[in-house]
Amino acid sequence: MRWLILFLFAASVARAGPFDGISADVVVLGEVHDNPAHHLVQAEAIAAIDPAAVVFEMLTEEQAARITDELRADPEALAEALEWRAGGWPDFAIYYPVFQAAGAAPVYGAAVPRERTRTAMQIGIARAFGAEAERYGLADALEVEELADRLNLQLEAHCGAIPVEVLPGMVDVQRLRDAVLARVALRALAETGGPVVVITGNGHARRDWGVPSYLALVAPDVTVFALGQSEAGLAPDGGFDLVLDADPVAREDPCGGFE
């Protein structure tokens, strides 16, 4: 499977694509995590944009620091060094084209470690984020309508099978992750001059309350392009500059585990 994915990636970058001419400072590339076609699109975008840095939702800062030029050339060794399987993400083989397309560009990790999310739910996301929490809006309560939408989204994502009292904490953690992704993207932009690509799920890429909204809040002069990726024509919510569609992948019933 790995070699098929690499072949498809090579074929995809050989033709003109929808990313030619994009000149934003930060390009946020959304995905459905387990769809290989979405990662090929991200790899195509990186090849066209030639970013100065790539930020990954899937990696912590410590994991990203392990990446070397030697490891980049060996997908199996890279996956092992990153302890990819332990992170619970889909097969590294479908993500490797993204790393391959990045070439020698610095990789930044923006994942919030599990222990930090647990702490954040206890002490609050503003304290967990740190000194710039107010600047990023994390000390402010969400507007009622947005909070209701976010709570409903979390309930739906968990098949209505989790206690409603835990939903606000899950919304807060999502806000924390969005803000951290934005902060790391801005750091990468400052350190490399950009452009910077952010690899993340569609939920973090949405313009209305995802990473782009935090960038607009704290760095309004930074230009942002947001890609969403859909399956079978079902576009993700939240507003994007471009939405590209792909066939869905075969999956088990996501609600089966909650029964």
Protein backbone atom coordinates (compact mmCIF):
# COMPACT_ATOMS: atom_id res chain seq x y z
CA MET A 1 0.00 0.00 0.00
CA ARG A 2 2.82 2.40 0.89
CA TRP A 3 4.37 2.24 -2.59
CA LEU A 4 1.00 2.71 -4.27
CA ILE A 5 0.45 5.86 -2.23
CA LEU A 6 3.89 7.19 -3.14
CA PHE A 7 3.24 6.47 -6.82
CA LEU A 8 -0.08 8.28 -6.70
CA PHE A 9 1.58 11.23 -4.98
CA ALA A 10 4.26 11.46 -7.68
CA ALA A 11 1.58 11.37 -10.35
CA SER A 12 -0.48 14.04 -8.62
CA VAL A 13 2.32 16.62 -8.44
CA ALA A 14 3.21 16.15 -12.12
CA ARG A 15 0.09 18.03 -13.25
CA ALA A 16 -1.19 21.54 -12.64
CA GLY A 17 -3.48 21.76 -9.64
CA PRO A 18 -5.75 24.07 -7.69
CA PHE A 19 -2.93 25.37 -5.48
CA ASP A 20 -0.88 27.07 -8.17
CA GLY A 21 -0.64 30.77 -7.41
CA ILE A 22 -1.58 30.64 -3.72
CA SER A 23 0.50 33.27 -1.93
CA ALA A 24 -0.91 33.36 1.62
CA ASP A 25 1.39 33.60 4.63
CA VAL A 26 -0.33 30.62 6.28
CA VAL A 27 -2.09 27.87 4.34
CA VAL A 28 -4.27 25.63 6.51
CA LEU A 29 -4.89 22.26 4.84
CA GLY A 30 -7.82 20.38 6.33
CA GLU A 31 -8.45 16.67 6.09
CA VAL A 32 -10.53 13.74 7.17
CA HIS A 33 -7.78 11.96 9.04
CA ASP A 34 -8.21 8.44 7.62
CA ASN A 35 -8.77 9.36 3.98
CA PRO A 36 -5.57 8.70 1.95
CA ALA A 37 -6.80 10.87 -0.92
CA HIS A 38 -6.90 13.88 1.38
CA HIS A 39 -3.25 13.44 2.28
CA LEU A 40 -2.29 13.18 -1.37
CA VAL A 41 -4.05 16.51 -1.91
CA GLN A 42 -2.11 18.01 1.00
CA ALA A 43 1.13 16.70 -0.51
CA GLU A 44 0.17 18.22 -3.85
CA ALA A 45 -0.50 21.55 -2.14
CA ILE A 46 2.87 21.50 -0.38
CA ALA A 47 4.66 20.75 -3.64
CA ALA A 48 2.93 23.71 -5.29
CA ILE A 49 3.36 26.15 -2.38
CA ASP A 50 6.93 25.16 -1.41
CA PRO A 51 6.48 26.26 2.21
CA ALA A 52 9.28 27.40 4.48
CA ALA A 53 7.78 25.33 7.32
CA VAL A 54 5.07 22.76 7.94
CA VAL A 55 3.06 22.57 11.16
CA PHE A 56 1.45 19.26 12.14
CA GLU A 57 -1.54 18.84 14.43
CA MET A 58 -0.41 15.23 14.87
CA LEU A 59 2.99 15.94 16.41
CA THR A 60 4.03 17.45 19.69
CA GLU A 61 6.93 19.89 19.76
CA GLU A 62 9.11 17.15 21.24
CA GLN A 63 8.21 14.67 18.49
CA ALA A 64 8.89 17.18 15.73
CA ALA A 65 12.33 17.86 17.18
CA ARG A 66 13.27 14.21 16.53
CA ILE A 67 12.98 14.54 12.75
CA THR A 68 16.28 14.43 10.86
CA ASP A 69 17.10 14.46 7.16
CA GLU A 70 18.07 10.80 7.42
CA LEU A 71 14.74 9.86 8.98
CA ARG A 72 12.78 11.78 6.34
CA ALA A 73 14.09 9.38 3.71
CA ASP A 74 12.93 6.27 5.57
CA PRO A 75 9.18 6.15 6.29
CA GLU A 76 9.40 3.15 8.60
CA ALA A 77 12.22 4.65 10.67
CA LEU A 78 10.46 8.00 10.76
CA ALA A 79 7.22 6.46 12.00
CA GLU A 80 9.12 4.60 14.70
CA ALA A 81 11.04 7.69 15.80
CA LEU A 82 7.82 9.66 16.04
CA GLU A 83 6.08 6.85 17.93
CA TRP A 84 3.29 7.43 15.45
CA ARG A 85 1.23 4.37 16.29
CA ALA A 86 1.04 5.33 19.95
CA GLY A 87 -0.60 8.60 18.98
CA GLY A 88 -3.71 6.84 17.71
CA TRP A 89 -3.53 8.39 14.24
CA PRO A 90 -4.27 6.39 11.07
CA ASP A 91 -1.53 4.40 9.33
CA PHE A 92 1.62 6.47 8.85
CA ALA A 93 1.81 5.27 5.24
CA ILE A 94 -1.03 7.58 4.25
CA TYR A 95 0.66 10.56 5.95
CA TYR A 96 4.15 9.93 4.62
CA PRO A 97 3.54 11.67 1.26
CA VAL A 98 2.95 14.87 3.24
CA PHE A 99 6.31 14.53 4.99
CA GLN A 100 7.94 13.61 1.68
CA ALA A 101 6.50 16.66 -0.07
CA ALA A 102 7.79 18.91 2.73
CA GLY A 103 11.34 18.04 1.73
CA ALA A 104 13.83 19.75 4.01
CA ALA A 105 11.38 22.34 5.33
CA PRO A 106 11.37 22.54 9.14
CA VAL A 107 8.56 20.60 10.81
CA TYR A 108 6.78 22.12 13.80
CA GLY A 109 4.66 20.13 16.22
CA ALA A 110 1.49 21.71 17.58
CA ALA A 111 -0.24 18.80 19.28
CA VAL A 112 -1.44 19.33 22.83
CA PRO A 113 -0.28 16.25 24.79
CA ARG A 114 -2.98 14.20 26.50
CA GLU A 115 -1.74 15.01 29.98
CA ARG A 116 -1.91 18.71 29.15
CA THR A 117 -5.49 18.43 27.94
CA ARG A 118 -6.43 16.68 31.16
CA THR A 119 -4.78 19.46 33.14
CA ALA A 120 -6.53 22.09 31.02
CA MET A 121 -9.92 20.60 31.85
CA GLN A 122 -9.04 20.94 35.54
CA ILE A 123 -7.44 24.38 35.64
CA GLY A 124 -9.07 26.01 32.61
CA ILE A 125 -7.79 26.54 29.10
CA ALA A 126 -6.61 30.11 29.76
CA ARG A 127 -4.16 28.98 32.45
CA ALA A 128 -3.14 25.96 30.41
CA PHE A 129 -2.38 28.13 27.36
CA GLY A 130 -0.26 30.62 29.26
CA ALA A 131 0.51 34.32 29.18
CA GLU A 132 -1.14 35.13 25.85
CA ALA A 133 -4.49 33.54 26.68
CA GLU A 134 -6.35 36.85 26.73
CA ARG A 135 -4.85 37.90 23.42
CA TYR A 136 -6.07 34.65 21.88
CA GLY A 137 -9.53 35.06 23.38
CA LEU A 138 -9.28 32.00 25.61
CA ALA A 139 -10.22 33.98 28.71
CA ASP A 140 -13.53 34.96 27.11
CA ALA A 141 -16.71 32.92 27.14
CA LEU A 142 -18.14 31.88 23.79
CA GLU A 143 -21.25 33.53 22.49
CA VAL A 144 -24.36 31.52 23.31
CA GLU A 145 -25.16 30.50 19.74
CA GLU A 146 -21.62 29.40 18.97
CA LEU A 147 -21.38 27.48 22.23
CA ALA A 148 -24.63 25.66 21.44
CA ASP A 149 -23.36 24.74 17.97
CA ARG A 150 -20.09 23.47 19.40
CA LEU A 151 -21.79 21.44 22.12
CA ASN A 152 -24.12 19.84 19.59
CA LEU A 153 -21.20 19.07 17.30
CA GLN A 154 -19.32 17.32 20.10
CA LEU A 155 -22.43 15.36 21.09
CA GLU A 156 -22.97 14.28 17.48
CA ALA A 157 -19.30 13.36 17.05
CA HIS A 158 -19.62 11.05 20.04
CA CYS A 159 -22.88 9.53 18.83
CA GLY A 160 -24.90 11.09 21.64
CA ALA A 161 -23.40 8.54 24.00
CA ILE A 162 -21.42 10.70 26.41
CA PRO A 163 -22.67 12.60 29.46
CA VAL A 164 -23.70 16.13 28.56
CA GLU A 165 -21.80 17.55 31.52
CA VAL A 166 -18.46 16.68 29.89
CA LEU A 167 -19.27 18.46 26.62
CA PRO A 168 -18.19 21.96 27.74
CA GLY A 169 -14.77 20.62 28.66
CA MET A 170 -14.44 19.00 25.24
CA VAL A 171 -15.33 22.29 23.57
CA ASP A 172 -12.69 24.04 25.67
CA VAL A 173 -10.04 21.53 24.66
CA GLN A 174 -10.91 22.10 21.00
CA ARG A 175 -10.45 25.85 21.54
CA LEU A 176 -7.10 25.21 23.21
CA ARG A 177 -5.91 23.06 20.31
CA ASP A 178 -6.99 25.67 17.75
CA ALA A 179 -5.15 28.41 19.63
CA VAL A 180 -1.99 26.33 20.00
CA LEU A 181 -2.01 25.50 16.28
CA ALA A 182 -2.34 29.21 15.49
CA ARG A 183 0.43 30.17 17.92
CA VAL A 184 2.83 27.60 16.49
CA ALA A 185 1.98 28.69 12.94
CA LEU A 186 2.82 32.29 13.83
CA ARG A 187 6.07 31.20 15.47
CA ALA A 188 6.99 29.23 12.35
CA LEU A 189 6.15 32.26 10.20
CA ALA A 190 8.32 34.55 12.34
CA GLU A 191 11.26 32.11 12.38
CA THR A 192 11.22 31.15 8.69
CA GLY A 193 9.55 34.05 6.90
CA GLY A 194 6.88 31.76 5.47
CA PRO A 195 4.84 30.63 3.83
CA VAL A 196 3.73 28.14 6.45
CA VAL A 197 1.48 25.14 5.84
CA VAL A 198 -0.64 23.69 8.64
CA ILE A 199 -1.71 20.04 8.41
CA THR A 200 -4.85 19.45 10.46
CA GLY A 201 -8.39 18.14 10.54
CA ASN A 202 -11.23 20.00 8.87
CA GLY A 203 -12.56 21.05 12.27
CA HIS A 204 -9.40 23.02 12.99
CA ALA A 205 -9.17 24.43 9.45
CA ARG A 206 -12.62 26.06 9.39
CA ARG A 207 -12.59 29.83 9.09
CA ASP A 208 -15.41 30.62 11.49
CA TRP A 209 -13.90 29.27 14.70
CA GLY A 210 -10.82 27.22 13.76
CA VAL A 211 -7.19 28.18 13.36
CA PRO A 212 -7.90 30.94 10.79
CA SER A 213 -10.14 32.73 13.30
CA TYR A 214 -7.34 32.84 15.89
CA LEU A 215 -4.86 34.08 13.30
CA ALA A 216 -7.29 36.83 12.31
CA LEU A 217 -7.66 37.80 15.97
CA VAL A 218 -4.02 38.01 16.96
CA ALA A 219 -2.32 38.76 13.61
CA PRO A 220 -4.84 40.42 11.29
CA ASP A 221 -2.14 41.39 8.80
CA VAL A 222 -1.19 37.75 8.22
CA THR A 223 -2.86 36.37 5.09
CA VAL A 224 -4.52 32.96 5.44
CA PHE A 225 -5.84 30.38 2.99
CA ALA A 226 -8.04 27.57 4.32
CA LEU A 227 -8.71 24.29 2.51
CA GLY A 228 -11.49 21.93 3.52
CA GLN A 229 -11.75 18.39 2.19
CA SER A 230 -15.03 16.61 1.77
CA GLU A 231 -16.18 13.12 0.99
CA ALA A 232 -18.89 12.21 -1.54
CA GLY A 233 -19.85 15.85 -1.92
CA LEU A 234 -20.66 16.38 1.76
CA ALA A 235 -18.81 19.65 2.41
CA PRO A 236 -17.48 20.36 5.91
CA ASP A 237 -19.05 23.18 7.88
CA GLY A 238 -17.32 26.37 8.88
CA GLY A 239 -16.30 28.20 5.73
CA PHE A 240 -13.23 27.59 3.58
CA ASP A 241 -11.50 29.31 0.71
CA LEU A 242 -11.59 26.06 -1.23
CA VAL A 243 -13.25 22.69 -0.71
CA LEU A 244 -12.04 19.65 -2.63
CA ASP A 245 -13.96 16.40 -2.75
CA ALA A 246 -12.84 12.78 -2.66
CA ASP A 247 -14.42 9.37 -2.44
CA PRO A 248 -15.11 8.19 1.11
CA VAL A 249 -13.12 5.34 2.60
CA ALA A 250 -14.66 2.16 3.95
CA ARG A 251 -15.13 2.46 7.69
CA GLU A 252 -16.75 0.55 10.47
CA ASP A 253 -19.76 2.21 12.08
CA PRO A 254 -18.17 4.97 14.19
CA CYS A 255 -20.96 4.65 16.72
CA GLY A 256 -20.45 0.92 17.15
CA GLY A 257 -17.95 1.42 19.93
CA PHE A 258 -20.47 3.40 21.98
CA GLU A 259 -23.11 0.67 22.02
